[in-house]
Amino acid sequence: MKKALISVTGLDATGIIAKVATRLSDLNVNILDISQTILGGYFTMMMIVDLSGSPADFDEINRAMQPLRDELKMEIHIQRMDIFDAMHRV
């Protein structure tokens, strides 16, 4: 399984989760775990996803999120889970 961590942050608005989940579904990326909260009007979401089913590679998935970043005016970061885990083992 090829996992990644996706974080989404920015001003809260209607439909953020739906739009991000739809884009990931279009890319055949499976959401394994999700947590979201709103802090002082700022939306924050963390997702662990499985990239194994996607025909797109990591860089293509990251590029495919750019139009959504622009539309939502939010920060959307995607990081390989193996790299994330290695960084936090040190």
PDB file of N, CA and C in Angstrom:
ATOM      1  N   MET A   1       0.848  -1.173   0.000  1.00  0.00           N
ATOM      2  CA  MET A   1       0.000   0.000   0.000  1.00  0.00           C
ATOM      3  C   MET A   1       0.892   1.235   0.000  1.00  0.00           C
ATOM      4  N   LYS A   2       0.599   2.179  -0.868  1.00  0.00           N
ATOM      5  CA  LYS A   2       1.343   3.446  -0.920  1.00  0.00           C
ATOM      6  C   LYS A   2       0.477   4.513  -0.245  1.00  0.00           C
ATOM      7  N   LYS A   3       0.882   4.905   0.954  1.00  0.00           N
ATOM      8  CA  LYS A   3       0.108   5.880   1.718  1.00  0.00           C
ATOM      9  C   LYS A   3       0.704   7.269   1.598  1.00  0.00           C
ATOM     10  N   ALA A   4      -0.179   8.267   1.772  1.00  0.00           N
ATOM     11  CA  ALA A   4       0.247   9.666   1.814  1.00  0.00           C
ATOM     12  C   ALA A   4      -0.576  10.390   2.875  1.00  0.00           C
ATOM     13  N   LEU A   5      -0.026  11.475   3.356  1.00  0.00           N
ATOM     14  CA  LEU A   5      -0.702  12.349   4.302  1.00  0.00           C
ATOM     15  C   LEU A   5      -1.071  13.623   3.550  1.00  0.00           C
ATOM     16  N   ILE A   6      -2.328  14.003   3.608  1.00  0.00           N
ATOM     17  CA  ILE A   6      -2.789  15.236   2.964  1.00  0.00           C
ATOM     18  C   ILE A   6      -3.300  16.172   4.049  1.00  0.00           C
ATOM     19  N   SER A   7      -2.811  17.408   4.042  1.00  0.00           N
ATOM     20  CA  SER A   7      -3.330  18.419   4.962  1.00  0.00           C
ATOM     21  C   SER A   7      -3.976  19.530   4.146  1.00  0.00           C
ATOM     22  N   VAL A   8      -5.093  20.021   4.670  1.00  0.00           N
ATOM     23  CA  VAL A   8      -5.851  21.088   4.018  1.00  0.00           C
ATOM     24  C   VAL A   8      -6.115  22.155   5.069  1.00  0.00           C
ATOM     25  N   THR A   9      -5.686  23.390   4.813  1.00  0.00           N
ATOM     26  CA  THR A   9      -5.898  24.472   5.771  1.00  0.00           C
ATOM     27  C   THR A   9      -6.275  25.759   5.050  1.00  0.00           C
ATOM     28  N   GLY A  10      -7.104  26.547   5.704  1.00  0.00           N
ATOM     29  CA  GLY A  10      -7.500  27.845   5.170  1.00  0.00           C
ATOM     30  C   GLY A  10      -8.796  28.305   5.798  1.00  0.00           C
ATOM     31  N   LEU A  11      -9.311  29.415   5.292  1.00  0.00           N
ATOM     32  CA  LEU A  11     -10.565  29.943   5.815  1.00  0.00           C
ATOM     33  C   LEU A  11     -11.698  28.959   5.564  1.00  0.00           C
ATOM     34  N   ASP A  12     -12.559  28.790   6.548  1.00  0.00           N
ATOM     35  CA  ASP A  12     -13.658  27.846   6.433  1.00  0.00           C
ATOM     36  C   ASP A  12     -14.659  28.303   5.371  1.00  0.00           C
ATOM     37  N   ALA A  13     -15.195  27.352   4.642  1.00  0.00           N
ATOM     38  CA  ALA A  13     -16.222  27.608   3.634  1.00  0.00           C
ATOM     39  C   ALA A  13     -17.022  26.318   3.447  1.00  0.00           C
ATOM     40  N   THR A  14     -18.171  26.437   2.854  1.00  0.00           N
ATOM     41  CA  THR A  14     -19.019  25.284   2.587  1.00  0.00           C
ATOM     42  C   THR A  14     -18.426  24.412   1.485  1.00  0.00           C
ATOM     43  N   GLY A  15     -18.448  23.097   1.679  1.00  0.00           N
ATOM     44  CA  GLY A  15     -18.102  22.160   0.626  1.00  0.00           C
ATOM     45  C   GLY A  15     -16.653  21.752   0.505  1.00  0.00           C
ATOM     46  N   ILE A  16     -15.812  22.144   1.437  1.00  0.00           N
ATOM     47  CA  ILE A  16     -14.382  21.826   1.337  1.00  0.00           C
ATOM     48  C   ILE A  16     -14.157  20.315   1.325  1.00  0.00           C
ATOM     49  N   ILE A  17     -14.728  19.619   2.290  1.00  0.00           N
ATOM     50  CA  ILE A  17     -14.525  18.174   2.377  1.00  0.00           C
ATOM     51  C   ILE A  17     -15.049  17.497   1.117  1.00  0.00           C
ATOM     52  N   ALA A  18     -16.225  17.905   0.673  1.00  0.00           N
ATOM     53  CA  ALA A  18     -16.824  17.301  -0.522  1.00  0.00           C
ATOM     54  C   ALA A  18     -15.942  17.504  -1.753  1.00  0.00           C
ATOM     55  N   LYS A  19     -15.412  18.698  -1.928  1.00  0.00           N
ATOM     56  CA  LYS A  19     -14.594  18.980  -3.107  1.00  0.00           C
ATOM     57  C   LYS A  19     -13.274  18.222  -3.078  1.00  0.00           C
ATOM     58  N   VAL A  20     -12.637  18.167  -1.915  1.00  0.00           N
ATOM     59  CA  VAL A  20     -11.370  17.437  -1.811  1.00  0.00           C
ATOM     60  C   VAL A  20     -11.621  15.939  -2.015  1.00  0.00           C
ATOM     61  N   ALA A  21     -12.666  15.399  -1.366  1.00  0.00           N
ATOM     62  CA  ALA A  21     -12.967  13.973  -1.498  1.00  0.00           C
ATOM     63  C   ALA A  21     -13.330  13.614  -2.942  1.00  0.00           C
ATOM     64  N   THR A  22     -14.055  14.486  -3.610  1.00  0.00           N
ATOM     65  CA  THR A  22     -14.431  14.238  -5.007  1.00  0.00           C
ATOM     66  C   THR A  22     -13.202  14.217  -5.901  1.00  0.00           C
ATOM     67  N   ARG A  23     -12.286  15.174  -5.704  1.00  0.00           N
ATOM     68  CA  ARG A  23     -11.068  15.203  -6.513  1.00  0.00           C
ATOM     69  C   ARG A  23     -10.255  13.931  -6.293  1.00  0.00           C
ATOM     70  N   LEU A  24     -10.127  13.504  -5.033  1.00  0.00           N
ATOM     71  CA  LEU A  24      -9.384  12.284  -4.742  1.00  0.00           C
ATOM     72  C   LEU A  24     -10.067  11.064  -5.362  1.00  0.00           C
ATOM     73  N   SER A  25     -11.378  11.015  -5.297  1.00  0.00           N
ATOM     74  CA  SER A  25     -12.123   9.920  -5.912  1.00  0.00           C
ATOM     75  C   SER A  25     -11.907   9.884  -7.424  1.00  0.00           C
ATOM     76  N   ASP A  26     -11.907  11.053  -8.049  1.00  0.00           N
ATOM     77  CA  ASP A  26     -11.652  11.137  -9.494  1.00  0.00           C
ATOM     78  C   ASP A  26     -10.282  10.566  -9.847  1.00  0.00           C
ATOM     79  N   LEU A  27      -9.339  10.679  -8.923  1.00  0.00           N
ATOM     80  CA  LEU A  27      -7.981  10.168  -9.126  1.00  0.00           C
ATOM     81  C   LEU A  27      -7.832   8.716  -8.651  1.00  0.00           C
ATOM     82  N   ASN A  28      -8.941   8.137  -8.157  1.00  0.00           N
ATOM     83  CA  ASN A  28      -8.961   6.784  -7.604  1.00  0.00           C
ATOM     84  C   ASN A  28      -8.031   6.647  -6.399  1.00  0.00           C
ATOM     85  N   VAL A  29      -8.023   7.688  -5.571  1.00  0.00           N
ATOM     86  CA  VAL A  29      -7.266   7.700  -4.319  1.00  0.00           C
ATOM     87  C   VAL A  29      -8.261   7.419  -3.196  1.00  0.00           C
ATOM     88  N   ASN A  30      -7.962   6.422  -2.366  1.00  0.00           N
ATOM     89  CA  ASN A  30      -8.857   6.012  -1.296  1.00  0.00           C
ATOM     90  C   ASN A  30      -8.513   6.725   0.015  1.00  0.00           C
ATOM     91  N   ILE A  31      -9.509   7.300   0.669  1.00  0.00           N
ATOM     92  CA  ILE A  31      -9.323   7.937   1.974  1.00  0.00           C
ATOM     93  C   ILE A  31      -9.403   6.856   3.044  1.00  0.00           C
ATOM     94  N   LEU A  32      -8.327   6.688   3.806  1.00  0.00           N
ATOM     95  CA  LEU A  32      -8.264   5.676   4.856  1.00  0.00           C
ATOM     96  C   LEU A  32      -8.680   6.233   6.211  1.00  0.00           C
ATOM     97  N   ASP A  33      -8.314   7.477   6.478  1.00  0.00           N
ATOM     98  CA  ASP A  33      -8.616   8.107   7.765  1.00  0.00           C
ATOM     99  C   ASP A  33      -8.709   9.604   7.535  1.00  0.00           C
ATOM    100  N   ILE A  34      -9.566  10.250   8.302  1.00  0.00           N
ATOM    101  CA  ILE A  34      -9.766  11.693   8.120  1.00  0.00           C
ATOM    102  C   ILE A  34     -10.110  12.323   9.462  1.00  0.00           C
ATOM    103  N   SER A  35      -9.571  13.511   9.676  1.00  0.00           N
ATOM    104  CA  SER A  35      -9.876  14.302  10.862  1.00  0.00           C
ATOM    105  C   SER A  35      -9.961  15.751  10.423  1.00  0.00           C
ATOM    106  N   GLN A  36     -10.988  16.438  10.894  1.00  0.00           N
ATOM    107  CA  GLN A  36     -11.112  17.846  10.534  1.00  0.00           C
ATOM    108  C   GLN A  36     -11.669  18.617  11.718  1.00  0.00           C
ATOM    109  N   THR A  37     -11.307  19.889  11.760  1.00  0.00           N
ATOM    110  CA  THR A  37     -11.822  20.775  12.796  1.00  0.00           C
ATOM    111  C   THR A  37     -11.795  22.201  12.275  1.00  0.00           C
ATOM    112  N   ILE A  38     -12.502  23.053  12.956  1.00  0.00           N
ATOM    113  CA  ILE A  38     -12.502  24.474  12.635  1.00  0.00           C
ATOM    114  C   ILE A  38     -12.014  25.206  13.878  1.00  0.00           C
ATOM    115  N   LEU A  39     -10.941  25.971  13.716  1.00  0.00           N
ATOM    116  CA  LEU A  39     -10.347  26.711  14.827  1.00  0.00           C
ATOM    117  C   LEU A  39     -10.416  28.198  14.511  1.00  0.00           C
ATOM    118  N   GLY A  40     -11.257  28.919  15.209  1.00  0.00           N
ATOM    119  CA  GLY A  40     -11.341  30.367  15.017  1.00  0.00           C
ATOM    120  C   GLY A  40     -11.631  30.773  13.581  1.00  0.00           C
ATOM    121  N   GLY A  41     -12.480  30.002  12.898  1.00  0.00           N
ATOM    122  CA  GLY A  41     -12.839  30.320  11.525  1.00  0.00           C
ATOM    123  C   GLY A  41     -11.912  29.730  10.473  1.00  0.00           C
ATOM    124  N   TYR A  42     -10.863  29.026  10.926  1.00  0.00           N
ATOM    125  CA  TYR A  42      -9.931  28.375  10.004  1.00  0.00           C
ATOM    126  C   TYR A  42     -10.199  26.871   9.967  1.00  0.00           C
ATOM    127  N   PHE A  43     -10.369  26.364   8.774  1.00  0.00           N
ATOM    128  CA  PHE A  43     -10.616  24.950   8.544  1.00  0.00           C
ATOM    129  C   PHE A  43      -9.284  24.210   8.499  1.00  0.00           C
ATOM    130  N   THR A  44      -9.213  23.077   9.184  1.00  0.00           N
ATOM    131  CA  THR A  44      -8.016  22.241   9.182  1.00  0.00           C
ATOM    132  C   THR A  44      -8.448  20.784   9.010  1.00  0.00           C
ATOM    133  N   MET A  45      -7.850  20.112   8.036  1.00  0.00           N
ATOM    134  CA  MET A  45      -8.174  18.706   7.811  1.00  0.00           C
ATOM    135  C   MET A  45      -6.889  17.934   7.530  1.00  0.00           C
ATOM    136  N   MET A  46      -6.817  16.741   8.109  1.00  0.00           N
ATOM    137  CA  MET A  46      -5.713  15.819   7.852  1.00  0.00           C
ATOM    138  C   MET A  46      -6.332  14.520   7.341  1.00  0.00           C
ATOM    139  N   MET A  47      -5.726  13.971   6.306  1.00  0.00           N
ATOM    140  CA  MET A  47      -6.219  12.720   5.738  1.00  0.00           C
ATOM    141  C   MET A  47      -5.039  11.780   5.503  1.00  0.00           C
ATOM    142  N   ILE A  48      -5.253  10.519   5.773  1.00  0.00           N
ATOM    143  CA  ILE A  48      -4.316   9.493   5.336  1.00  0.00           C
ATOM    144  C   ILE A  48      -5.003   8.794   4.180  1.00  0.00           C
ATOM    145  N   VAL A  49      -4.303   8.719   3.056  1.00  0.00           N
ATOM    146  CA  VAL A  49      -4.894   8.166   1.843  1.00  0.00           C
ATOM    147  C   VAL A  49      -4.019   7.045   1.288  1.00  0.00           C
ATOM    148  N   ASP A  50      -4.653   6.192   0.492  1.00  0.00           N
ATOM    149  CA  ASP A  50      -3.959   5.112  -0.198  1.00  0.00           C
ATOM    150  C   ASP A  50      -3.894   5.465  -1.679  1.00  0.00           C
ATOM    151  N   LEU A  51      -2.675   5.609  -2.191  1.00  0.00           N
ATOM    152  CA  LEU A  51      -2.466   5.984  -3.592  1.00  0.00           C
ATOM    153  C   LEU A  51      -2.353   4.766  -4.513  1.00  0.00           C
ATOM    154  N   SER A  52      -2.368   3.561  -3.959  1.00  0.00           N
ATOM    155  CA  SER A  52      -2.102   2.344  -4.724  1.00  0.00           C
ATOM    156  C   SER A  52      -3.040   2.140  -5.908  1.00  0.00           C
ATOM    157  N   GLY A  53      -4.291   2.525  -5.782  1.00  0.00           N
ATOM    158  CA  GLY A  53      -5.273   2.290  -6.837  1.00  0.00           C
ATOM    159  C   GLY A  53      -5.272   3.327  -7.936  1.00  0.00           C
ATOM    160  N   SER A  54      -4.511   4.383  -7.758  1.00  0.00           N
ATOM    161  CA  SER A  54      -4.519   5.468  -8.742  1.00  0.00           C
ATOM    162  C   SER A  54      -3.579   5.164  -9.902  1.00  0.00           C
ATOM    163  N   PRO A  55      -4.041   5.422 -11.136  1.00  0.00           N
ATOM    164  CA  PRO A  55      -3.140   5.280 -12.274  1.00  0.00           C
ATOM    165  C   PRO A  55      -2.099   6.407 -12.324  1.00  0.00           C
ATOM    166  N   ALA A  56      -2.353   7.480 -11.575  1.00  0.00           N
ATOM    167  CA  ALA A  56      -1.433   8.624 -11.534  1.00  0.00           C
ATOM    168  C   ALA A  56      -0.357   8.379 -10.484  1.00  0.00           C
ATOM    169  N   ASP A  57       0.846   8.885 -10.746  1.00  0.00           N
ATOM    170  CA  ASP A  57       1.899   8.777  -9.738  1.00  0.00           C
ATOM    171  C   ASP A  57       1.766   9.940  -8.747  1.00  0.00           C
ATOM    172  N   PHE A  58       2.622   9.936  -7.738  1.00  0.00           N
ATOM    173  CA  PHE A  58       2.551  10.928  -6.661  1.00  0.00           C
ATOM    174  C   PHE A  58       2.580  12.363  -7.205  1.00  0.00           C
ATOM    175  N   ASP A  59       3.509  12.645  -8.103  1.00  0.00           N
ATOM    176  CA  ASP A  59       3.642  14.007  -8.633  1.00  0.00           C
ATOM    177  C   ASP A  59       2.415  14.420  -9.452  1.00  0.00           C
ATOM    178  N   GLU A  60       1.848  13.485 -10.200  1.00  0.00           N
ATOM    179  CA  GLU A  60       0.642  13.790 -10.976  1.00  0.00           C
ATOM    180  C   GLU A  60      -0.545  14.077 -10.055  1.00  0.00           C
ATOM    181  N   ILE A  61      -0.646  13.333  -8.974  1.00  0.00           N
ATOM    182  CA  ILE A  61      -1.720  13.567  -7.998  1.00  0.00           C
ATOM    183  C   ILE A  61      -1.540  14.940  -7.368  1.00  0.00           C
ATOM    184  N   ASN A  62      -0.325  15.277  -6.995  1.00  0.00           N
ATOM    185  CA  ASN A  62      -0.043  16.585  -6.411  1.00  0.00           C
ATOM    186  C   ASN A  62      -0.419  17.708  -7.390  1.00  0.00           C
ATOM    187  N   ARG A  63      -0.034  17.562  -8.652  1.00  0.00           N
ATOM    188  CA  ARG A  63      -0.379  18.574  -9.666  1.00  0.00           C
ATOM    189  C   ARG A  63      -1.889  18.656  -9.880  1.00  0.00           C
ATOM    190  N   ALA A  64      -2.568  17.519  -9.805  1.00  0.00           N
ATOM    191  CA  ALA A  64      -4.016  17.498 -10.011  1.00  0.00           C
ATOM    192  C   ALA A  64      -4.764  18.235  -8.894  1.00  0.00           C
ATOM    193  N   MET A  65      -4.110  18.424  -7.756  1.00  0.00           N
ATOM    194  CA  MET A  65      -4.733  19.155  -6.649  1.00  0.00           C
ATOM    195  C   MET A  65      -4.609  20.667  -6.824  1.00  0.00           C
ATOM    196  N   GLN A  66      -3.744  21.138  -7.723  1.00  0.00           N
ATOM    197  CA  GLN A  66      -3.505  22.578  -7.874  1.00  0.00           C
ATOM    198  C   GLN A  66      -4.767  23.375  -8.231  1.00  0.00           C
ATOM    199  N   PRO A  67      -5.574  22.933  -9.193  1.00  0.00           N
ATOM    200  CA  PRO A  67      -6.795  23.705  -9.479  1.00  0.00           C
ATOM    201  C   PRO A  67      -7.710  23.837  -8.257  1.00  0.00           C
ATOM    202  N   LEU A  68      -7.723  22.804  -7.416  1.00  0.00           N
ATOM    203  CA  LEU A  68      -8.529  22.851  -6.199  1.00  0.00           C
ATOM    204  C   LEU A  68      -7.933  23.833  -5.194  1.00  0.00           C
ATOM    205  N   ARG A  69      -6.613  23.866  -5.099  1.00  0.00           N
ATOM    206  CA  ARG A  69      -5.957  24.859  -4.232  1.00  0.00           C
ATOM    207  C   ARG A  69      -6.375  26.266  -4.659  1.00  0.00           C
ATOM    208  N   ASP A  70      -6.338  26.493  -5.963  1.00  0.00           N
ATOM    209  CA  ASP A  70      -6.684  27.814  -6.491  1.00  0.00           C
ATOM    210  C   ASP A  70      -8.157  28.137  -6.262  1.00  0.00           C
ATOM    211  N   GLU A  71      -9.023  27.177  -6.532  1.00  0.00           N
ATOM    212  CA  GLU A  71     -10.471  27.390  -6.376  1.00  0.00           C
ATOM    213  C   GLU A  71     -10.847  27.676  -4.926  1.00  0.00           C
ATOM    214  N   LEU A  72     -10.317  26.874  -4.009  1.00  0.00           N
ATOM    215  CA  LEU A  72     -10.671  27.009  -2.597  1.00  0.00           C
ATOM    216  C   LEU A  72      -9.844  28.074  -1.873  1.00  0.00           C
ATOM    217  N   LYS A  73      -8.741  28.501  -2.521  1.00  0.00           N
ATOM    218  CA  LYS A  73      -7.805  29.449  -1.894  1.00  0.00           C
ATOM    219  C   LYS A  73      -7.327  28.887  -0.550  1.00  0.00           C
ATOM    220  N   MET A  74      -6.906  27.612  -0.602  1.00  0.00           N
ATOM    221  CA  MET A  74      -6.448  26.914   0.598  1.00  0.00           C
ATOM    222  C   MET A  74      -5.100  26.264   0.339  1.00  0.00           C
ATOM    223  N   GLU A  75      -4.400  25.987   1.422  1.00  0.00           N
ATOM    224  CA  GLU A  75      -3.159  25.227   1.351  1.00  0.00           C
ATOM    225  C   GLU A  75      -3.531  23.745   1.361  1.00  0.00           C
ATOM    226  N   ILE A  76      -3.085  23.016   0.367  1.00  0.00           N
ATOM    227  CA  ILE A  76      -3.284  21.571   0.318  1.00  0.00           C
ATOM    228  C   ILE A  76      -1.918  20.949   0.084  1.00  0.00           C
ATOM    229  N   HIS A  77      -1.443  20.247   1.100  1.00  0.00           N
ATOM    230  CA  HIS A  77      -0.112  19.617   1.026  1.00  0.00           C
ATOM    231  C   HIS A  77      -0.282  18.107   1.032  1.00  0.00           C
ATOM    232  N   ILE A  78       0.485  17.463   0.195  1.00  0.00           N
ATOM    233  CA  ILE A  78       0.491  16.007   0.159  1.00  0.00           C
ATOM    234  C   ILE A  78       1.928  15.543   0.376  1.00  0.00           C
ATOM    235  N   GLN A  79       2.081  14.573   1.268  1.00  0.00           N
ATOM    236  CA  GLN A  79       3.410  14.075   1.616  1.00  0.00           C
ATOM    237  C   GLN A  79       3.374  12.555   1.680  1.00  0.00           C
ATOM    238  N   ARG A  80       4.384  11.935   1.124  1.00  0.00           N
ATOM    239  CA  ARG A  80       4.483  10.478   1.198  1.00  0.00           C
ATOM    240  C   ARG A  80       4.573  10.058   2.663  1.00  0.00           C
ATOM    241  N   MET A  81       3.806   9.077   3.025  1.00  0.00           N
ATOM    242  CA  MET A  81       3.743   8.643   4.416  1.00  0.00           C
ATOM    243  C   MET A  81       5.067   8.046   4.877  1.00  0.00           C
ATOM    244  N   ASP A  82       5.787   7.342   4.000  1.00  0.00           N
ATOM    245  CA  ASP A  82       7.064   6.763   4.417  1.00  0.00           C
ATOM    246  C   ASP A  82       8.072   7.854   4.771  1.00  0.00           C
ATOM    247  N   ILE A  83       8.053   8.960   4.048  1.00  0.00           N
ATOM    248  CA  ILE A  83       8.948  10.078   4.354  1.00  0.00           C
ATOM    249  C   ILE A  83       8.508  10.756   5.652  1.00  0.00           C
ATOM    250  N   PHE A  84       7.194  10.955   5.800  1.00  0.00           N
ATOM    251  CA  PHE A  84       6.644  11.556   7.020  1.00  0.00           C
ATOM    252  C   PHE A  84       7.043  10.723   8.235  1.00  0.00           C
ATOM    253  N   ASP A  85       6.873   9.402   8.140  1.00  0.00           N
ATOM    254  CA  ASP A  85       7.233   8.519   9.255  1.00  0.00           C
ATOM    255  C   ASP A  85       8.729   8.593   9.563  1.00  0.00           C
ATOM    256  N   ALA A  86       9.553   8.599   8.527  1.00  0.00           N
ATOM    257  CA  ALA A  86      11.005   8.648   8.732  1.00  0.00           C
ATOM    258  C   ALA A  86      11.429   9.946   9.417  1.00  0.00           C
ATOM    259  N   MET A  87      10.803  11.055   9.051  1.00  0.00           N
ATOM    260  CA  MET A  87      11.133  12.352   9.651  1.00  0.00           C
ATOM    261  C   MET A  87      10.815  12.378  11.145  1.00  0.00           C
ATOM    262  N   HIS A  88       9.789  11.643  11.550  1.00  0.00           N
ATOM    263  CA  HIS A  88       9.366  11.691  12.941  1.00  0.00           C
ATOM    264  C   HIS A  88       9.933  10.573  13.795  1.00  0.00           C
ATOM    265  N   ARG A  89      10.799   9.762  13.216  1.00  0.00           N
ATOM    266  CA  ARG A  89      11.495   8.727  13.965  1.00  0.00           C
ATOM    267  C   ARG A  89      12.825   9.234  14.491  1.00  0.00           C
ATOM    268  N   VAL A  90      13.316  10.316  13.932  1.00  0.00           N
ATOM    269  CA  VAL A  90      14.630  10.838  14.296  1.00  0.00           C
ATOM    270  C   VAL A  90      14.607  11.436  15.679  1.00  0.00           C
TER     271      VAL A  90
END
